[in-house]
Amino acid sequence: MKTRRAIAATSVGLALLAPMTAAAQAPSDRWTFSLMPYLWLPSVDGTLNYGPPPSGGGTANVTVDADTLLDNLDMAFMITGEARKGRWLIGTDLIYLDFSKADSAVRSVDFNPGPGPINVSTTGLNAGTNSDLTGWLWTLVGGYAALQGPKATLDVIGGLRFLSLKTTTDWQLTAAVTGPAGTTTFARTGSVEKSEDIWTGIVGAKGRAKLGDGPWFVNYYADIGGGSDAFTWQGAAGVGYAFKWGEIVFDYRYLYYSQSGEKLIDDLSFGGFGLGANFRF
């Protein structure tokens, strides 16, 4: 089980962290490619919204424990890469994640007695809630090397990011929750499921700068984007060591999502350190 989780965690990092790697200067008359295996161990924070509540009923607002998702990782799949010719580039990465029975809590219940939703806190009532999360994350970008020198590189990028997320929460409370005026109740135990597909456009920049005349360098990555009801951003920074075949990179990366209205993701973030080897050919 531990070996399977270690392999899965490596796959997570491969898909999520590969886009941050900046390419070194390349000849303009041929295509060059890169692939990067990466181990990334993030903490995860999430707030899920299972609303809107139906008329005369209630729905749960759920928080997911930041420290237990990696322990509950069942499966991960990834593929990522980048192609460049001269100053132009195209990159893509694909990731599948499956977390099961992550520690969670129902933080409140939204009721709809008729005129509109009313929020009721459930503080102190949780007695064993857990959540399953399954999702695909796909990014496709094109870019241009605004700076392409022996000491530093800077790529400007733009493209699309797609997140398809399915969540299931099984809740257990110490008591049923009564709605306004006692007209409705939210059951002490139950299960709820919801899915969301999110398309966002993104723009950003990535690159690196050498530290002196040796093989050490610093790298950075940042993007921001959104859609009709979603916002996302990510950032990374770290240090690396260059070889003839590629480079070793150690850095920190943070990825964030939020949605407005009665959507599934109130907020969802991944953050942690990573170590990887980027191969160029």
Protein backbone atom coordinates (compact mmCIF):
# COMPACT_ATOMS: atom_id res chain seq x y z
CA MET A 1 0.00 0.00 0.00
CA LYS A 2 2.80 2.44 0.88
CA THR A 3 4.59 1.67 -2.41
CA ARG A 4 1.40 2.27 -4.38
CA ARG A 5 0.87 5.61 -2.63
CA ALA A 6 4.47 6.66 -3.30
CA ILE A 7 4.08 5.87 -7.02
CA ALA A 8 0.76 7.71 -7.10
CA ALA A 9 2.25 10.74 -5.37
CA THR A 10 5.03 10.84 -7.96
CA SER A 11 2.43 10.83 -10.71
CA VAL A 12 0.61 13.73 -9.06
CA GLY A 13 3.74 15.80 -9.11
CA LEU A 14 4.53 14.88 -12.69
CA ALA A 15 1.28 16.28 -13.98
CA LEU A 16 0.92 19.24 -11.68
CA LEU A 17 4.46 20.59 -11.53
CA ALA A 18 5.89 19.96 -15.00
CA PRO A 19 4.54 23.19 -16.55
CA MET A 20 6.79 25.31 -14.32
CA THR A 21 10.07 24.17 -15.92
CA ALA A 22 11.71 26.80 -18.12
CA ALA A 23 13.58 25.73 -21.24
CA ALA A 24 17.17 26.61 -21.92
CA GLN A 25 18.17 28.34 -25.14
CA ALA A 26 17.60 26.07 -28.16
CA PRO A 27 18.48 26.24 -31.86
CA SER A 28 15.81 27.92 -33.96
CA ASP A 29 15.87 25.47 -36.87
CA ARG A 30 14.63 22.32 -35.11
CA TRP A 31 12.08 21.12 -32.58
CA THR A 32 13.21 20.27 -29.05
CA PHE A 33 11.21 18.41 -26.40
CA SER A 34 11.22 17.90 -22.62
CA LEU A 35 9.65 15.46 -20.15
CA MET A 36 9.87 15.76 -16.37
CA PRO A 37 9.23 13.09 -13.70
CA TYR A 38 8.37 14.94 -10.48
CA LEU A 39 7.66 14.08 -6.86
CA TRP A 40 5.33 16.64 -5.23
CA LEU A 41 3.87 16.28 -1.72
CA PRO A 42 1.16 18.93 -1.34
CA SER A 43 -1.20 19.73 1.46
CA VAL A 44 -4.78 20.24 0.27
CA ASP A 45 -7.45 22.59 1.60
CA GLY A 46 -10.98 22.57 0.29
CA THR A 47 -14.46 23.89 0.97
CA LEU A 48 -17.25 22.19 -0.97
CA ASN A 49 -20.76 23.51 -1.53
CA TYR A 50 -23.50 20.95 -2.23
CA GLY A 51 -26.19 23.59 -2.77
CA PRO A 52 -28.38 25.21 -3.75
CA PRO A 53 -30.89 23.81 -1.23
CA PRO A 54 -34.23 22.67 -2.63
CA SER A 55 -37.41 24.37 -1.47
CA GLY A 56 -38.24 22.99 1.95
CA GLY A 57 -34.90 21.14 2.24
CA GLY A 58 -31.25 21.56 3.22
CA THR A 59 -27.77 21.01 1.73
CA ALA A 60 -24.31 20.72 3.32
CA ASN A 61 -21.25 22.95 3.18
CA VAL A 62 -18.20 20.71 3.74
CA THR A 63 -14.55 21.35 4.60
CA VAL A 64 -11.86 18.78 3.70
CA ASP A 65 -8.90 18.13 6.01
CA ALA A 66 -5.65 19.56 4.60
CA ASP A 67 -3.36 16.98 6.21
CA THR A 68 -4.98 13.69 5.25
CA LEU A 69 -5.60 13.77 1.49
CA LEU A 70 -2.18 12.32 0.58
CA ASP A 71 -2.77 9.42 3.00
CA ASN A 72 -6.04 8.73 1.20
CA LEU A 73 -4.66 8.85 -2.35
CA ASP A 74 -5.83 5.68 -4.14
CA MET A 75 -4.73 6.32 -7.72
CA ALA A 76 -3.05 8.90 -9.93
CA PHE A 77 -2.21 9.03 -13.62
CA MET A 78 -0.25 11.68 -15.51
CA ILE A 79 1.32 12.62 -18.80
CA THR A 80 3.02 15.93 -19.55
CA GLY A 81 5.46 17.48 -22.00
CA GLU A 82 6.63 20.51 -23.91
CA ALA A 83 7.77 21.12 -27.49
CA ARG A 84 9.73 24.17 -28.68
CA LYS A 85 11.01 25.58 -31.95
CA GLY A 86 12.99 28.77 -31.83
CA ARG A 87 11.12 31.20 -29.57
CA TRP A 88 7.77 29.38 -29.82
CA LEU A 89 6.50 26.65 -27.50
CA ILE A 90 3.48 24.44 -26.86
CA GLY A 91 2.95 22.52 -23.64
CA THR A 92 0.33 20.23 -22.17
CA ASP A 93 -0.23 18.12 -19.08
CA LEU A 94 -2.96 15.72 -18.01
CA ILE A 95 -3.63 14.36 -14.54
CA TYR A 96 -6.14 11.99 -12.96
CA LEU A 97 -6.56 11.90 -9.16
CA ASP A 98 -8.64 9.65 -6.92
CA PHE A 99 -8.84 10.34 -3.17
CA SER A 100 -11.08 8.27 -0.89
CA LYS A 101 -12.44 8.76 2.64
CA ALA A 102 -10.60 12.00 3.37
CA ASP A 103 -11.43 13.42 6.80
CA SER A 104 -14.06 16.14 6.43
CA ALA A 105 -16.61 18.14 8.39
CA VAL A 106 -20.03 19.61 7.71
CA ARG A 107 -19.41 23.22 8.72
CA SER A 108 -22.98 24.44 8.07
CA VAL A 109 -26.28 23.60 6.38
CA ASP A 110 -28.16 25.80 3.92
CA PHE A 111 -31.96 25.63 4.24
CA ASN A 112 -34.53 27.03 1.84
CA PRO A 113 -37.79 27.56 3.76
CA GLY A 114 -39.30 29.44 0.81
CA PRO A 115 -38.16 33.05 0.35
CA GLY A 116 -34.45 32.14 0.06
CA PRO A 117 -31.56 30.18 1.60
CA ILE A 118 -30.70 30.52 5.31
CA ASN A 119 -27.40 29.22 6.70
CA VAL A 120 -27.29 27.26 10.00
CA SER A 121 -23.96 26.39 11.68
CA THR A 122 -23.22 22.77 12.66
CA THR A 123 -20.22 23.51 14.91
CA GLY A 124 -19.67 20.68 17.41
CA LEU A 125 -22.02 18.22 15.68
CA ASN A 126 -19.59 16.32 13.41
CA ALA A 127 -18.97 12.71 14.37
CA GLY A 128 -17.21 11.02 11.42
CA THR A 129 -17.68 12.74 8.05
CA ASN A 130 -15.50 11.78 5.07
CA SER A 131 -15.27 12.69 1.38
CA ASP A 132 -14.15 11.07 -1.89
CA LEU A 133 -12.69 13.28 -4.65
CA THR A 134 -12.07 12.17 -8.23
CA GLY A 135 -10.88 14.54 -10.91
CA TRP A 136 -9.12 15.29 -14.18
CA LEU A 137 -6.91 18.36 -14.66
CA TRP A 138 -5.75 19.25 -18.19
CA THR A 139 -3.74 22.27 -19.28
CA LEU A 140 -2.84 23.33 -22.82
CA VAL A 141 -0.69 26.43 -23.42
CA GLY A 142 1.21 28.14 -26.19
CA GLY A 143 3.97 30.63 -25.57
CA TYR A 144 6.74 32.87 -26.82
CA ALA A 145 10.25 33.37 -25.42
CA ALA A 146 10.44 37.09 -24.69
CA LEU A 147 13.95 36.55 -23.28
CA GLN A 148 16.13 33.67 -24.47
CA GLY A 149 19.72 34.13 -23.36
CA PRO A 150 22.52 32.09 -21.76
CA LYS A 151 21.97 33.75 -18.37
CA ALA A 152 18.17 34.01 -18.19
CA THR A 153 14.95 33.01 -19.95
CA LEU A 154 11.43 34.41 -19.84
CA ASP A 155 8.43 32.83 -21.59
CA VAL A 156 5.02 34.45 -21.79
CA ILE A 157 2.22 31.87 -22.07
CA GLY A 158 -1.51 31.67 -22.62
CA GLY A 159 -4.00 28.86 -22.98
CA LEU A 160 -6.73 26.81 -21.31
CA ARG A 161 -7.11 24.80 -18.12
CA PHE A 162 -9.87 22.24 -17.60
CA LEU A 163 -10.84 20.74 -14.24
CA SER A 164 -13.43 17.97 -14.03
CA LEU A 165 -14.19 17.16 -10.39
CA LYS A 166 -16.58 14.67 -8.78
CA THR A 167 -17.04 14.62 -5.00
CA THR A 168 -19.01 12.43 -2.62
CA THR A 169 -19.47 13.17 1.07
CA ASP A 170 -20.82 10.74 3.67
CA TRP A 171 -21.72 12.67 6.80
CA GLN A 172 -22.36 11.65 10.38
CA LEU A 173 -23.60 14.18 12.94
CA THR A 174 -24.45 13.76 16.59
CA ALA A 175 -27.95 15.12 15.96
CA ALA A 176 -30.23 16.22 13.14
CA VAL A 177 -30.12 19.94 12.26
CA THR A 178 -33.40 21.85 12.47
CA GLY A 179 -34.11 24.56 9.94
CA PRO A 180 -35.76 27.96 10.50
CA ALA A 181 -38.96 27.82 12.53
CA GLY A 182 -38.56 24.05 12.84
CA THR A 183 -40.16 23.44 9.47
CA THR A 184 -37.37 21.29 7.97
CA THR A 185 -34.54 19.10 9.25
CA PHE A 186 -31.19 17.94 7.90
CA ALA A 187 -30.67 14.24 8.69
CA ARG A 188 -28.06 13.11 11.20
CA THR A 189 -26.49 10.75 8.63
CA GLY A 190 -26.54 10.66 4.86
CA SER A 191 -24.60 10.92 1.59
CA VAL A 192 -24.44 13.50 -1.20
CA GLU A 193 -22.66 13.62 -4.57
CA LYS A 194 -21.92 16.46 -6.99
CA SER A 195 -19.84 17.02 -10.15
CA GLU A 196 -18.44 20.12 -11.81
CA ASP A 197 -16.61 20.78 -15.12
CA ILE A 198 -14.64 24.03 -15.13
CA TRP A 199 -13.01 25.67 -18.17
CA THR A 200 -10.74 28.66 -17.59
CA GLY A 201 -8.49 30.74 -19.82
CA ILE A 202 -5.06 31.44 -18.35
CA VAL A 203 -2.14 33.79 -19.02
CA GLY A 204 1.22 33.77 -17.32
CA ALA A 205 4.99 33.66 -17.45
CA LYS A 206 7.79 31.26 -16.58
CA GLY A 207 11.55 31.25 -16.74
CA ARG A 208 14.85 30.92 -14.94
CA ALA A 209 18.05 32.83 -14.17
CA LYS A 210 21.56 31.47 -13.58
CA LEU A 211 23.28 31.99 -10.25
CA GLY A 212 26.74 33.13 -11.27
CA ASP A 213 28.72 31.18 -13.87
CA GLY A 214 28.04 27.69 -12.48
CA PRO A 215 25.24 25.16 -13.08
CA TRP A 216 22.91 26.51 -10.37
CA PHE A 217 19.85 28.57 -11.29
CA VAL A 218 16.55 29.84 -9.88
CA ASN A 219 13.26 29.06 -11.64
CA TYR A 220 9.79 30.61 -11.44
CA TYR A 221 6.29 30.11 -12.80
CA ALA A 222 3.03 32.08 -12.43
CA ASP A 223 -0.36 32.12 -14.14
CA ILE A 224 -3.80 33.55 -13.50
CA GLY A 225 -7.12 32.99 -15.20
CA GLY A 226 -10.83 32.55 -15.01
CA GLY A 227 -14.12 31.81 -16.73
CA SER A 228 -17.72 32.85 -16.35
CA ASP A 229 -17.96 31.67 -12.72
CA ALA A 230 -14.43 30.49 -11.80
CA PHE A 231 -11.07 31.94 -10.77
CA THR A 232 -7.70 30.16 -10.69
CA TRP A 233 -4.07 30.99 -10.16
CA GLN A 234 -0.84 29.20 -9.51
CA GLY A 235 2.73 30.09 -8.67
CA ALA A 236 6.04 28.33 -8.15
CA ALA A 237 9.63 29.24 -7.33
CA GLY A 238 12.75 27.27 -6.51
CA VAL A 239 16.33 26.37 -7.36
CA GLY A 240 17.86 23.93 -9.84
CA TYR A 241 21.09 22.35 -11.03
CA ALA A 242 21.76 21.96 -14.77
CA PHE A 243 23.31 18.94 -16.50
CA LYS A 244 23.94 18.20 -20.18
CA TRP A 245 20.80 16.03 -20.31
CA GLY A 246 18.51 18.45 -18.43
CA GLU A 247 18.23 19.63 -14.83
CA ILE A 248 17.22 18.76 -11.27
CA VAL A 249 14.72 21.20 -9.72
CA PHE A 250 13.59 21.74 -6.12
CA ASP A 251 10.79 24.24 -5.56
CA TYR A 252 7.49 25.13 -3.96
CA ARG A 253 4.20 25.31 -5.89
CA TYR A 254 0.70 26.51 -5.06
CA LEU A 255 -2.47 25.96 -7.13
CA TYR A 256 -5.82 27.57 -6.29
CA TYR A 257 -9.42 27.38 -7.56
CA SER A 258 -12.63 29.13 -6.52
CA GLN A 259 -16.14 29.49 -7.96
CA SER A 260 -18.88 32.05 -7.45
CA GLY A 261 -22.57 31.35 -6.83
CA GLU A 262 -23.96 27.98 -5.80
CA LYS A 263 -21.13 25.97 -7.39
CA LEU A 264 -19.26 22.96 -6.01
CA ILE A 265 -15.92 24.62 -5.20
CA ASP A 266 -16.03 27.48 -2.72
CA ASP A 267 -12.24 27.22 -2.69
CA LEU A 268 -9.69 24.47 -3.34
CA SER A 269 -5.91 24.72 -3.05
CA PHE A 270 -2.84 22.50 -3.36
CA GLY A 271 0.54 23.59 -1.98
CA GLY A 272 3.85 21.92 -1.23
CA PHE A 273 7.51 21.29 -2.08
CA GLY A 274 8.61 19.24 -5.06
CA LEU A 275 11.76 17.60 -6.43
CA GLY A 276 12.07 16.53 -10.05
CA ALA A 277 14.30 15.67 -12.99
CA ASN A 278 13.62 17.33 -16.34
CA PHE A 279 14.88 15.46 -19.42
CA ARG A 280 15.48 17.30 -22.72
CA PHE A 281 15.89 15.77 -26.16
